């Protein structure tokens, strides 16, 4: 499981109940990473079956956007950066399939590293 050490000065300012809640939310984010990976893989499979159709890009954008924000919020910068890169690529007109494959390999790898 990925580790995280909160900023010492910030953690000293928060009550223990808040720190405990943050820890719980981080744990839930990590648990849900498996479901997120499954959803990404399903969308990529549908994309492949349809011959590379970009019809599912909207769903991938929403998922990547959500992952980018949650990753940053809960202290997983590598996962957040990978998700941000995926969202940015998908919003770029005319992206290459090679770049698409690279970005999603990176995102899947970084999300898999959480477990």
PDB file of N, CA and C in Angstrom:
ATOM      1  N   UNK A   1       0.848  -1.165   0.000  1.00  0.00           N
ATOM      2  CA  UNK A   1       0.000   0.000   0.000  1.00  0.00           C
ATOM      3  C   UNK A   1       0.895   1.229   0.000  1.00  0.00           C
ATOM      4  N   UNK A   2       0.500   2.243  -0.738  1.00  0.00           N
ATOM      5  CA  UNK A   2       1.250   3.486  -0.802  1.00  0.00           C
ATOM      6  C   UNK A   2       1.229   4.168   0.550  1.00  0.00           C
ATOM      7  N   UNK A   3       2.352   4.784   0.912  1.00  0.00           N
ATOM      8  CA  UNK A   3       2.413   5.471   2.193  1.00  0.00           C
ATOM      9  C   UNK A   3       2.333   6.968   1.985  1.00  0.00           C
ATOM     10  N   UNK A   4       1.961   7.655   3.046  1.00  0.00           N
ATOM     11  CA  UNK A   4       1.810   9.097   2.985  1.00  0.00           C
ATOM     12  C   UNK A   4       2.078   9.657   4.361  1.00  0.00           C
ATOM     13  N   UNK A   5       2.901  10.673   4.419  1.00  0.00           N
ATOM     14  CA  UNK A   5       3.158  11.364   5.665  1.00  0.00           C
ATOM     15  C   UNK A   5       2.664  12.783   5.511  1.00  0.00           C
ATOM     16  N   UNK A   6       1.641  13.147   6.280  1.00  0.00           N
ATOM     17  CA  UNK A   6       1.137  14.506   6.142  1.00  0.00           C
ATOM     18  C   UNK A   6       2.171  15.522   6.578  1.00  0.00           C
ATOM     19  N   UNK A   7       2.034  16.715   6.077  1.00  0.00           N
ATOM     20  CA  UNK A   7       2.881  17.817   6.478  1.00  0.00           C
ATOM     21  C   UNK A   7       2.826  17.919   7.990  1.00  0.00           C
ATOM     22  N   UNK A   8       3.984  17.892   8.656  1.00  0.00           N
ATOM     23  CA  UNK A   8       4.026  17.866  10.116  1.00  0.00           C
ATOM     24  C   UNK A   8       3.316  19.059  10.725  1.00  0.00           C
ATOM     25  N   UNK A   9       3.539  20.239  10.205  1.00  0.00           N
ATOM     26  CA  UNK A   9       2.901  21.414  10.794  1.00  0.00           C
ATOM     27  C   UNK A   9       1.397  21.393  10.566  1.00  0.00           C
ATOM     28  N   UNK A  10       0.963  20.921   9.414  1.00  0.00           N
ATOM     29  CA  UNK A  10      -0.475  20.847   9.141  1.00  0.00           C
ATOM     30  C   UNK A  10      -1.132  19.819  10.051  1.00  0.00           C
ATOM     31  N   UNK A  11      -0.485  18.674  10.257  1.00  0.00           N
ATOM     32  CA  UNK A  11      -1.091  17.634  11.086  1.00  0.00           C
ATOM     33  C   UNK A  11      -1.140  18.045  12.550  1.00  0.00           C
ATOM     34  N   UNK A  12      -0.224  18.898  12.992  1.00  0.00           N
ATOM     35  CA  UNK A  12      -0.258  19.381  14.371  1.00  0.00           C
ATOM     36  C   UNK A  12      -1.430  20.327  14.596  1.00  0.00           C
ATOM     37  N   UNK A  13      -1.914  20.952  13.552  1.00  0.00           N
ATOM     38  CA  UNK A  13      -3.014  21.906  13.663  1.00  0.00           C
ATOM     39  C   UNK A  13      -4.375  21.223  13.643  1.00  0.00           C
ATOM     40  N   UNK A  14      -4.456  20.010  13.174  1.00  0.00           N
ATOM     41  CA  UNK A  14      -5.735  19.316  13.051  1.00  0.00           C
ATOM     42  C   UNK A  14      -6.023  18.477  14.291  1.00  0.00           C
ATOM     43  N   UNK A  15      -7.280  18.439  14.698  1.00  0.00           N
ATOM     44  CA  UNK A  15      -7.634  17.543  15.806  1.00  0.00           C
ATOM     45  C   UNK A  15      -7.495  16.087  15.366  1.00  0.00           C
ATOM     46  N   UNK A  16      -7.303  15.221  16.326  1.00  0.00           N
ATOM     47  CA  UNK A  16      -7.112  13.799  16.023  1.00  0.00           C
ATOM     48  C   UNK A  16      -8.288  13.225  15.243  1.00  0.00           C
ATOM     49  N   UNK A  17      -9.492  13.654  15.545  1.00  0.00           N
ATOM     50  CA  UNK A  17     -10.667  13.144  14.826  1.00  0.00           C
ATOM     51  C   UNK A  17     -10.567  13.465  13.333  1.00  0.00           C
ATOM     52  N   UNK A  18     -10.061  14.648  12.998  1.00  0.00           N
ATOM     53  CA  UNK A  18      -9.898  15.020  11.587  1.00  0.00           C
ATOM     54  C   UNK A  18      -8.818  14.167  10.935  1.00  0.00           C
ATOM     55  N   UNK A  19      -7.728  13.948  11.637  1.00  0.00           N
ATOM     56  CA  UNK A  19      -6.655  13.108  11.099  1.00  0.00           C
ATOM     57  C   UNK A  19      -7.149  11.680  10.879  1.00  0.00           C
ATOM     58  N   UNK A  20      -7.941  11.191  11.810  1.00  0.00           N
ATOM     59  CA  UNK A  20      -8.500   9.841  11.670  1.00  0.00           C
ATOM     60  C   UNK A  20      -9.433   9.770  10.463  1.00  0.00           C
ATOM     61  N   UNK A  21     -10.234  10.800  10.253  1.00  0.00           N
ATOM     62  CA  UNK A  21     -11.161  10.822   9.110  1.00  0.00           C
ATOM     63  C   UNK A  21     -10.389  10.863   7.791  1.00  0.00           C
ATOM     64  N   UNK A  22      -9.337  11.656   7.737  1.00  0.00           N
ATOM     65  CA  UNK A  22      -8.501  11.720   6.536  1.00  0.00           C
ATOM     66  C   UNK A  22      -7.888  10.357   6.246  1.00  0.00           C
ATOM     67  N   UNK A  23      -7.399   9.707   7.295  1.00  0.00           N
ATOM     68  CA  UNK A  23      -6.814   8.369   7.119  1.00  0.00           C
ATOM     69  C   UNK A  23      -7.853   7.388   6.583  1.00  0.00           C
ATOM     70  N   UNK A  24      -9.083   7.491   7.077  1.00  0.00           N
ATOM     71  CA  UNK A  24     -10.151   6.615   6.606  1.00  0.00           C
ATOM     72  C   UNK A  24     -10.485   6.885   5.136  1.00  0.00           C
ATOM     73  N   UNK A  25     -10.558   8.150   4.764  1.00  0.00           N
ATOM     74  CA  UNK A  25     -10.841   8.507   3.373  1.00  0.00           C
ATOM     75  C   UNK A  25      -9.726   8.043   2.442  1.00  0.00           C
ATOM     76  N   UNK A  26      -8.489   8.148   2.885  1.00  0.00           N
ATOM     77  CA  UNK A  26      -7.355   7.645   2.088  1.00  0.00           C
ATOM     78  C   UNK A  26      -7.469   6.141   1.888  1.00  0.00           C
ATOM     79  N   UNK A  27      -7.838   5.438   2.966  1.00  0.00           N
ATOM     80  CA  UNK A  27      -7.988   3.983   2.885  1.00  0.00           C
ATOM     81  C   UNK A  27      -9.093   3.627   1.892  1.00  0.00           C
ATOM     82  N   UNK A  28     -10.208   4.351   1.946  1.00  0.00           N
ATOM     83  CA  UNK A  28     -11.303   4.099   1.003  1.00  0.00           C
ATOM     84  C   UNK A  28     -10.883   4.388  -0.437  1.00  0.00           C
ATOM     85  N   UNK A  29     -10.110   5.451  -0.635  1.00  0.00           N
ATOM     86  CA  UNK A  29      -9.618   5.763  -1.977  1.00  0.00           C
ATOM     87  C   UNK A  29      -8.774   4.603  -2.509  1.00  0.00           C
ATOM     88  N   UNK A  30      -7.907   4.079  -1.669  1.00  0.00           N
ATOM     89  CA  UNK A  30      -7.051   2.958  -2.082  1.00  0.00           C
ATOM     90  C   UNK A  30      -7.909   1.729  -2.394  1.00  0.00           C
ATOM     91  N   UNK A  31      -8.882   1.447  -1.540  1.00  0.00           N
ATOM     92  CA  UNK A  31      -9.775   0.307  -1.787  1.00  0.00           C
ATOM     93  C   UNK A  31     -10.514   0.458  -3.115  1.00  0.00           C
ATOM     94  N   UNK A  32     -10.963   1.652  -3.398  1.00  0.00           N
ATOM     95  CA  UNK A  32     -11.724   1.902  -4.622  1.00  0.00           C
ATOM     96  C   UNK A  32     -10.855   1.931  -5.873  1.00  0.00           C
ATOM     97  N   UNK A  33      -9.561   1.952  -5.681  1.00  0.00           N
ATOM     98  CA  UNK A  33      -8.682   1.972  -6.857  1.00  0.00           C
ATOM     99  C   UNK A  33      -8.863   0.708  -7.695  1.00  0.00           C
ATOM    100  N   UNK A  34      -9.177  -0.414  -7.052  1.00  0.00           N
ATOM    101  CA  UNK A  34      -9.435  -1.651  -7.811  1.00  0.00           C
ATOM    102  C   UNK A  34     -10.656  -1.484  -8.714  1.00  0.00           C
ATOM    103  N   UNK A  35     -11.716  -0.881  -8.182  1.00  0.00           N
ATOM    104  CA  UNK A  35     -12.922  -0.647  -8.989  1.00  0.00           C
ATOM    105  C   UNK A  35     -12.633   0.338 -10.116  1.00  0.00           C
ATOM    106  N   UNK A  36     -11.826   1.345  -9.827  1.00  0.00           N
ATOM    107  CA  UNK A  36     -11.452   2.307 -10.868  1.00  0.00           C
ATOM    108  C   UNK A  36     -10.649   1.632 -11.969  1.00  0.00           C
ATOM    109  N   UNK A  37      -9.722   0.765 -11.576  1.00  0.00           N
ATOM    110  CA  UNK A  37      -8.937   0.023 -12.569  1.00  0.00           C
ATOM    111  C   UNK A  37      -9.834  -0.856 -13.425  1.00  0.00           C
ATOM    112  N   UNK A  38     -10.777  -1.516 -12.791  1.00  0.00           N
ATOM    113  CA  UNK A  38     -11.714  -2.371 -13.529  1.00  0.00           C
ATOM    114  C   UNK A  38     -12.517  -1.543 -14.526  1.00  0.00           C
ATOM    115  N   UNK A  39     -12.979  -0.376 -14.096  1.00  0.00           N
ATOM    116  CA  UNK A  39     -13.750   0.490 -14.990  1.00  0.00           C
ATOM    117  C   UNK A  39     -12.897   0.985 -16.157  1.00  0.00           C
ATOM    118  N   UNK A  40     -11.666   1.370 -15.884  1.00  0.00           N
ATOM    119  CA  UNK A  40     -10.754   1.808 -16.964  1.00  0.00           C
ATOM    120  C   UNK A  40     -10.547   0.672 -17.959  1.00  0.00           C
ATOM    121  N   UNK A  41     -10.247  -0.498 -17.447  1.00  0.00           N
ATOM    122  CA  UNK A  41     -10.000  -1.646 -18.338  1.00  0.00           C
ATOM    123  C   UNK A  41     -11.227  -1.982 -19.173  1.00  0.00           C
ATOM    124  N   UNK A  42     -12.411  -1.899 -18.556  1.00  0.00           N
ATOM    125  CA  UNK A  42     -13.655  -2.174 -19.293  1.00  0.00           C
ATOM    126  C   UNK A  42     -13.831  -1.170 -20.428  1.00  0.00           C
ATOM    127  N   UNK A  43     -13.624   0.109 -20.137  1.00  0.00           N
ATOM    128  CA  UNK A  43     -13.771   1.141 -21.171  1.00  0.00           C
ATOM    129  C   UNK A  43     -12.726   0.974 -22.271  1.00  0.00           C
ATOM    130  N   UNK A  44     -11.505   0.598 -21.893  1.00  0.00           N
ATOM    131  CA  UNK A  44     -10.459   0.377 -22.898  1.00  0.00           C
ATOM    132  C   UNK A  44     -10.788  -0.833 -23.763  1.00  0.00           C
ATOM    133  N   UNK A  45     -11.363  -1.868 -23.147  1.00  0.00           N
ATOM    134  CA  UNK A  45     -11.762  -3.056 -23.914  1.00  0.00           C
ATOM    135  C   UNK A  45     -12.878  -2.708 -24.898  1.00  0.00           C
ATOM    136  N   UNK A  46     -13.868  -1.948 -24.445  1.00  0.00           N
ATOM    137  CA  UNK A  46     -14.950  -1.524 -25.343  1.00  0.00           C
ATOM    138  C   UNK A  46     -14.402  -0.695 -26.497  1.00  0.00           C
ATOM    139  N   UNK A  47     -13.427   0.120 -26.189  1.00  0.00           N
ATOM    140  CA  UNK A  47     -12.788   0.960 -27.211  1.00  0.00           C
ATOM    141  C   UNK A  47     -12.071   0.088 -28.240  1.00  0.00           C
ATOM    142  N   UNK A  48     -11.384  -0.935 -27.739  1.00  0.00           N
ATOM    143  CA  UNK A  48     -10.637  -1.833 -28.625  1.00  0.00           C
ATOM    144  C   UNK A  48     -11.584  -2.649 -29.499  1.00  0.00           C
ATOM    145  N   UNK A  49     -12.649  -3.173 -28.901  1.00  0.00           N
ATOM    146  CA  UNK A  49     -13.630  -3.981 -29.635  1.00  0.00           C
ATOM    147  C   UNK A  49     -14.271  -3.160 -30.750  1.00  0.00           C
ATOM    148  N   UNK A  50     -14.432  -1.864 -30.503  1.00  0.00           N
ATOM    149  CA  UNK A  50     -15.066  -1.004 -31.507  1.00  0.00           C
ATOM    150  C   UNK A  50     -14.059  -0.466 -32.526  1.00  0.00           C
ATOM    151  N   UNK A  51     -12.862  -1.043 -32.538  1.00  0.00           N
ATOM    152  CA  UNK A  51     -11.861  -0.648 -33.524  1.00  0.00           C
ATOM    153  C   UNK A  51     -11.200   0.686 -33.229  1.00  0.00           C
ATOM    154  N   UNK A  52     -11.093   1.031 -31.949  1.00  0.00           N
ATOM    155  CA  UNK A  52     -10.426   2.279 -31.586  1.00  0.00           C
ATOM    156  C   UNK A  52     -11.346   3.491 -31.598  1.00  0.00           C
ATOM    157  N   UNK A  53     -12.648   3.211 -31.614  1.00  0.00           N
ATOM    158  CA  UNK A  53     -13.609   4.313 -31.595  1.00  0.00           C
ATOM    159  C   UNK A  53     -13.417   5.150 -30.340  1.00  0.00           C
ATOM    160  N   UNK A  54     -13.501   6.436 -30.508  1.00  0.00           N
ATOM    161  CA  UNK A  54     -13.312   7.355 -29.383  1.00  0.00           C
ATOM    162  C   UNK A  54     -14.635   7.701 -28.703  1.00  0.00           C
ATOM    163  N   UNK A  55     -15.625   6.880 -28.963  1.00  0.00           N
ATOM    164  CA  UNK A  55     -16.959   7.092 -28.411  1.00  0.00           C
ATOM    165  C   UNK A  55     -16.959   7.096 -26.880  1.00  0.00           C
ATOM    166  N   UNK A  56     -16.112   6.307 -26.261  1.00  0.00           N
ATOM    167  CA  UNK A  56     -16.063   6.192 -24.802  1.00  0.00           C
ATOM    168  C   UNK A  56     -15.121   7.203 -24.163  1.00  0.00           C
ATOM    169  N   UNK A  57     -14.541   8.088 -24.952  1.00  0.00           N
ATOM    170  CA  UNK A  57     -13.597   9.063 -24.396  1.00  0.00           C
ATOM    171  C   UNK A  57     -14.238   9.947 -23.335  1.00  0.00           C
ATOM    172  N   UNK A  58     -15.511  10.279 -23.500  1.00  0.00           N
ATOM    173  CA  UNK A  58     -16.185  11.111 -22.509  1.00  0.00           C
ATOM    174  C   UNK A  58     -16.207  10.460 -21.135  1.00  0.00           C
ATOM    175  N   UNK A  59     -16.474   9.174 -21.105  1.00  0.00           N
ATOM    176  CA  UNK A  59     -16.480   8.442 -19.830  1.00  0.00           C
ATOM    177  C   UNK A  59     -15.075   8.354 -19.255  1.00  0.00           C
ATOM    178  N   UNK A  60     -14.085   8.150 -20.119  1.00  0.00           N
ATOM    179  CA  UNK A  60     -12.702   8.116 -19.655  1.00  0.00           C
ATOM    180  C   UNK A  60     -12.266   9.486 -19.110  1.00  0.00           C
ATOM    181  N   UNK A  61     -12.714  10.555 -19.747  1.00  0.00           N
ATOM    182  CA  UNK A  61     -12.382  11.907 -19.281  1.00  0.00           C
ATOM    183  C   UNK A  61     -12.953  12.122 -17.880  1.00  0.00           C
ATOM    184  N   UNK A  62     -14.213  11.768 -17.670  1.00  0.00           N
ATOM    185  CA  UNK A  62     -14.838  11.943 -16.351  1.00  0.00           C
ATOM    186  C   UNK A  62     -14.101  11.151 -15.281  1.00  0.00           C
ATOM    187  N   UNK A  63     -13.764   9.920 -15.614  1.00  0.00           N
ATOM    188  CA  UNK A  63     -13.066   9.071 -14.653  1.00  0.00           C
ATOM    189  C   UNK A  63     -11.667   9.621 -14.354  1.00  0.00           C
ATOM    190  N   UNK A  64     -10.940  10.003 -15.389  1.00  0.00           N
ATOM    191  CA  UNK A  64      -9.594  10.551 -15.192  1.00  0.00           C
ATOM    192  C   UNK A  64      -9.649  11.848 -14.378  1.00  0.00           C
ATOM    193  N   UNK A  65     -10.625  12.695 -14.669  1.00  0.00           N
ATOM    194  CA  UNK A  65     -10.782  13.950 -13.938  1.00  0.00           C
ATOM    195  C   UNK A  65     -11.034  13.678 -12.450  1.00  0.00           C
ATOM    196  N   UNK A  66     -11.928  12.758 -12.178  1.00  0.00           N
ATOM    197  CA  UNK A  66     -12.251  12.396 -10.798  1.00  0.00           C
ATOM    198  C   UNK A  66     -11.023  11.827 -10.079  1.00  0.00           C
ATOM    199  N   UNK A  67     -10.297  10.958 -10.764  1.00  0.00           N
ATOM    200  CA  UNK A  67      -9.095  10.373 -10.169  1.00  0.00           C
ATOM    201  C   UNK A  67      -8.005  11.412  -9.930  1.00  0.00           C
ATOM    202  N   UNK A  68      -7.871  12.348 -10.848  1.00  0.00           N
ATOM    203  CA  UNK A  68      -6.849  13.394 -10.683  1.00  0.00           C
ATOM    204  C   UNK A  68      -7.133  14.211  -9.428  1.00  0.00           C
ATOM    205  N   UNK A  69      -8.380  14.610  -9.251  1.00  0.00           N
ATOM    206  CA  UNK A  69      -8.735  15.411  -8.086  1.00  0.00           C
ATOM    207  C   UNK A  69      -8.610  14.643  -6.783  1.00  0.00           C
ATOM    208  N   UNK A  70      -9.147  13.445  -6.745  1.00  0.00           N
ATOM    209  CA  UNK A  70      -9.100  12.651  -5.516  1.00  0.00           C
ATOM    210  C   UNK A  70      -7.666  12.258  -5.157  1.00  0.00           C
ATOM    211  N   UNK A  71      -6.875  11.934  -6.162  1.00  0.00           N
ATOM    212  CA  UNK A  71      -5.475  11.573  -5.900  1.00  0.00           C
ATOM    213  C   UNK A  71      -4.726  12.740  -5.267  1.00  0.00           C
ATOM    214  N   UNK A  72      -4.932  13.911  -5.804  1.00  0.00           N
ATOM    215  CA  UNK A  72      -4.270  15.095  -5.257  1.00  0.00           C
ATOM    216  C   UNK A  72      -4.775  15.386  -3.845  1.00  0.00           C
ATOM    217  N   UNK A  73      -6.062  15.280  -3.640  1.00  0.00           N
ATOM    218  CA  UNK A  73      -6.667  15.574  -2.346  1.00  0.00           C
ATOM    219  C   UNK A  73      -6.153  14.641  -1.258  1.00  0.00           C
ATOM    220  N   UNK A  74      -5.981  13.373  -1.587  1.00  0.00           N
ATOM    221  CA  UNK A  74      -5.595  12.393  -0.580  1.00  0.00           C
ATOM    222  C   UNK A  74      -4.100  12.089  -0.551  1.00  0.00           C
ATOM    223  N   UNK A  75      -3.314  12.867  -1.269  1.00  0.00           N
ATOM    224  CA  UNK A  75      -1.864  12.757  -1.148  1.00  0.00           C
ATOM    225  C   UNK A  75      -1.204  11.689  -1.991  1.00  0.00           C
ATOM    226  N   UNK A  76      -1.712  11.460  -3.187  1.00  0.00           N
ATOM    227  CA  UNK A  76      -1.117  10.502  -4.117  1.00  0.00           C
ATOM    228  C   UNK A  76      -0.725  11.243  -5.395  1.00  0.00           C
ATOM    229  N   UNK A  77       0.343  12.021  -5.344  1.00  0.00           N
ATOM    230  CA  UNK A  77       0.682  12.880  -6.480  1.00  0.00           C
ATOM    231  C   UNK A  77       1.014  12.138  -7.772  1.00  0.00           C
ATOM    232  N   UNK A  78       1.646  10.988  -7.699  1.00  0.00           N
ATOM    233  CA  UNK A  78       1.999  10.252  -8.924  1.00  0.00           C
ATOM    234  C   UNK A  78       0.738   9.780  -9.639  1.00  0.00           C
ATOM    235  N   UNK A  79      -0.231   9.290  -8.873  1.00  0.00           N
ATOM    236  CA  UNK A  79      -1.481   8.839  -9.466  1.00  0.00           C
ATOM    237  C   UNK A  79      -2.257  10.035 -10.017  1.00  0.00           C
ATOM    238  N   UNK A  80      -2.232  11.141  -9.292  1.00  0.00           N
ATOM    239  CA  UNK A  80      -2.910  12.344  -9.746  1.00  0.00           C
ATOM    240  C   UNK A  80      -2.324  12.884 -11.034  1.00  0.00           C
ATOM    241  N   UNK A  81      -1.005  12.868 -11.125  1.00  0.00           N
ATOM    242  CA  UNK A  81      -0.347  13.341 -12.348  1.00  0.00           C
ATOM    243  C   UNK A  81      -0.692  12.449 -13.534  1.00  0.00           C
ATOM    244  N   UNK A  82      -0.692  11.135 -13.309  1.00  0.00           N
ATOM    245  CA  UNK A  82      -1.027  10.197 -14.390  1.00  0.00           C
ATOM    246  C   UNK A  82      -2.473  10.391 -14.851  1.00  0.00           C
ATOM    247  N   UNK A  83      -3.376  10.588 -13.913  1.00  0.00           N
ATOM    248  CA  UNK A  83      -4.777  10.806 -14.269  1.00  0.00           C
ATOM    249  C   UNK A  83      -4.953  12.145 -14.992  1.00  0.00           C
ATOM    250  N   UNK A  84      -4.253  13.166 -14.525  1.00  0.00           N
ATOM    251  CA  UNK A  84      -4.308  14.474 -15.184  1.00  0.00           C
ATOM    252  C   UNK A  84      -3.790  14.369 -16.622  1.00  0.00           C
ATOM    253  N   UNK A  85      -2.696  13.625 -16.804  1.00  0.00           N
ATOM    254  CA  UNK A  85      -2.141  13.441 -18.154  1.00  0.00           C
ATOM    255  C   UNK A  85      -3.135  12.728 -19.062  1.00  0.00           C
ATOM    256  N   UNK A  86      -3.847  11.741 -18.513  1.00  0.00           N
ATOM    257  CA  UNK A  86      -4.855  11.023 -19.308  1.00  0.00           C
ATOM    258  C   UNK A  86      -5.991  11.967 -19.696  1.00  0.00           C
ATOM    259  N   UNK A  87      -6.481  12.735 -18.732  1.00  0.00           N
ATOM    260  CA  UNK A  87      -7.563  13.678 -19.031  1.00  0.00           C
ATOM    261  C   UNK A  87      -7.130  14.709 -20.069  1.00  0.00           C
ATOM    262  N   UNK A  88      -5.934  15.253 -19.892  1.00  0.00           N
ATOM    263  CA  UNK A  88      -5.424  16.274 -20.815  1.00  0.00           C
ATOM    264  C   UNK A  88      -5.303  15.720 -22.226  1.00  0.00           C
ATOM    265  N   UNK A  89      -4.760  14.509 -22.340  1.00  0.00           N
ATOM    266  CA  UNK A  89      -4.615  13.891 -23.657  1.00  0.00           C
ATOM    267  C   UNK A  89      -5.973  13.706 -24.324  1.00  0.00           C
ATOM    268  N   UNK A  90      -6.935  13.169 -23.563  1.00  0.00           N
ATOM    269  CA  UNK A  90      -8.251  12.897 -24.133  1.00  0.00           C
ATOM    270  C   UNK A  90      -8.961  14.172 -24.585  1.00  0.00           C
ATOM    271  N   UNK A  91      -8.635  15.281 -23.985  1.00  0.00           N
ATOM    272  CA  UNK A  91      -9.249  16.554 -24.361  1.00  0.00           C
ATOM    273  C   UNK A  91      -8.518  17.219 -25.538  1.00  0.00           C
ATOM    274  N   UNK A  92      -7.396  16.629 -25.944  1.00  0.00           N
ATOM    275  CA  UNK A  92      -6.611  17.176 -27.050  1.00  0.00           C
ATOM    276  C   UNK A  92      -7.095  16.597 -28.375  1.00  0.00           C
ATOM    277  N   UNK A  93      -7.486  17.449 -29.302  1.00  0.00           N
ATOM    278  CA  UNK A  93      -7.931  16.918 -30.604  1.00  0.00           C
ATOM    279  C   UNK A  93      -6.756  16.289 -31.357  1.00  0.00           C
ATOM    280  N   UNK A  94      -7.023  15.194 -31.966  1.00  0.00           N
ATOM    281  CA  UNK A  94      -6.015  14.577 -32.822  1.00  0.00           C
ATOM    282  C   UNK A  94      -4.891  13.854 -32.096  1.00  0.00           C
ATOM    283  N   UNK A  95      -5.115  13.406 -30.873  1.00  0.00           N
ATOM    284  CA  UNK A  95      -4.048  12.676 -30.178  1.00  0.00           C
ATOM    285  C   UNK A  95      -3.781  11.349 -30.891  1.00  0.00           C
ATOM    286  N   UNK A  96      -2.574  10.848 -30.724  1.00  0.00           N
ATOM    287  CA  UNK A  96      -2.208   9.592 -31.389  1.00  0.00           C
ATOM    288  C   UNK A  96      -2.579   8.396 -30.512  1.00  0.00           C
ATOM    289  N   UNK A  97      -2.833   7.286 -31.164  1.00  0.00           N
ATOM    290  CA  UNK A  97      -3.143   6.057 -30.432  1.00  0.00           C
ATOM    291  C   UNK A  97      -1.932   5.582 -29.638  1.00  0.00           C
ATOM    292  N   UNK A  98      -0.734   5.831 -30.134  1.00  0.00           N
ATOM    293  CA  UNK A  98       0.473   5.449 -29.400  1.00  0.00           C
ATOM    294  C   UNK A  98       0.573   6.236 -28.094  1.00  0.00           C
ATOM    295  N   UNK A  99       0.289   7.522 -28.155  1.00  0.00           N
ATOM    296  CA  UNK A  99       0.315   8.354 -26.949  1.00  0.00           C
ATOM    297  C   UNK A  99      -0.802   7.933 -25.997  1.00  0.00           C
ATOM    298  N   UNK A 100      -1.963   7.626 -26.538  1.00  0.00           N
ATOM    299  CA  UNK A 100      -3.084   7.132 -25.738  1.00  0.00           C
ATOM    300  C   UNK A 100      -2.665   5.873 -24.974  1.00  0.00           C
ATOM    301  N   UNK A 101      -2.061   4.933 -25.671  1.00  0.00           N
ATOM    302  CA  UNK A 101      -1.642   3.678 -25.042  1.00  0.00           C
ATOM    303  C   UNK A 101      -0.609   3.934 -23.951  1.00  0.00           C
ATOM    304  N   UNK A 102       0.348   4.819 -24.209  1.00  0.00           N
ATOM    305  CA  UNK A 102       1.383   5.119 -23.220  1.00  0.00           C
ATOM    306  C   UNK A 102       0.794   5.748 -21.966  1.00  0.00           C
ATOM    307  N   UNK A 103      -0.081   6.722 -22.152  1.00  0.00           N
ATOM    308  CA  UNK A 103      -0.670   7.436 -21.020  1.00  0.00           C
ATOM    309  C   UNK A 103      -1.529   6.493 -20.169  1.00  0.00           C
ATOM    310  N   UNK A 104      -2.291   5.633 -20.805  1.00  0.00           N
ATOM    311  CA  UNK A 104      -3.143   4.731 -20.029  1.00  0.00           C
ATOM    312  C   UNK A 104      -2.356   3.587 -19.404  1.00  0.00           C
ATOM    313  N   UNK A 105      -1.269   3.154 -20.026  1.00  0.00           N
ATOM    314  CA  UNK A 105      -0.386   2.181 -19.359  1.00  0.00           C
ATOM    315  C   UNK A 105       0.164   2.788 -18.075  1.00  0.00           C
ATOM    316  N   UNK A 106       0.581   4.048 -18.157  1.00  0.00           N
ATOM    317  CA  UNK A 106       1.122   4.734 -16.988  1.00  0.00           C
ATOM    318  C   UNK A 106       0.058   4.863 -15.898  1.00  0.00           C
ATOM    319  N   UNK A 107      -1.138   5.291 -16.258  1.00  0.00           N
ATOM    320  CA  UNK A 107      -2.208   5.445 -15.274  1.00  0.00           C
ATOM    321  C   UNK A 107      -2.539   4.111 -14.614  1.00  0.00           C
ATOM    322  N   UNK A 108      -2.695   3.073 -15.398  1.00  0.00           N
ATOM    323  CA  UNK A 108      -3.003   1.751 -14.848  1.00  0.00           C
ATOM    324  C   UNK A 108      -1.880   1.278 -13.925  1.00  0.00           C
ATOM    325  N   UNK A 109      -0.650   1.484 -14.329  1.00  0.00           N
ATOM    326  CA  UNK A 109       0.489   1.088 -13.496  1.00  0.00           C
ATOM    327  C   UNK A 109       0.520   1.823 -12.167  1.00  0.00           C
ATOM    328  N   UNK A 110       0.264   3.114 -12.220  1.00  0.00           N
ATOM    329  CA  UNK A 110       0.317   3.906 -10.990  1.00  0.00           C
ATOM    330  C   UNK A 110      -0.859   3.578 -10.054  1.00  0.00           C
ATOM    331  N   UNK A 111      -2.029   3.342 -10.610  1.00  0.00           N
ATOM    332  CA  UNK A 111      -3.156   2.941  -9.775  1.00  0.00           C
ATOM    333  C   UNK A 111      -2.933   1.549  -9.190  1.00  0.00           C
ATOM    334  N   UNK A 112      -2.349   0.666  -9.979  1.00  0.00           N
ATOM    335  CA  UNK A 112      -2.068  -0.694  -9.487  1.00  0.00           C
ATOM    336  C   UNK A 112      -1.079  -0.668  -8.336  1.00  0.00           C
ATOM    337  N   UNK A 113      -0.199   0.310  -8.320  1.00  0.00           N
ATOM    338  CA  UNK A 113       0.823   0.411  -7.273  1.00  0.00           C
ATOM    339  C   UNK A 113       0.221   0.748  -5.910  1.00  0.00           C
ATOM    340  N   UNK A 114      -1.025   1.179  -5.872  1.00  0.00           N
ATOM    341  CA  UNK A 114      -1.656   1.505  -4.592  1.00  0.00           C
ATOM    342  C   UNK A 114      -1.943   0.263  -3.761  1.00  0.00           C
ATOM    343  N   UNK A 115      -2.061  -0.865  -4.396  1.00  0.00           N
ATOM    344  CA  UNK A 115      -2.399  -2.094  -3.672  1.00  0.00           C
ATOM    345  C   UNK A 115      -1.224  -3.016  -3.491  1.00  0.00           C
TER     346      UNK A 115
END
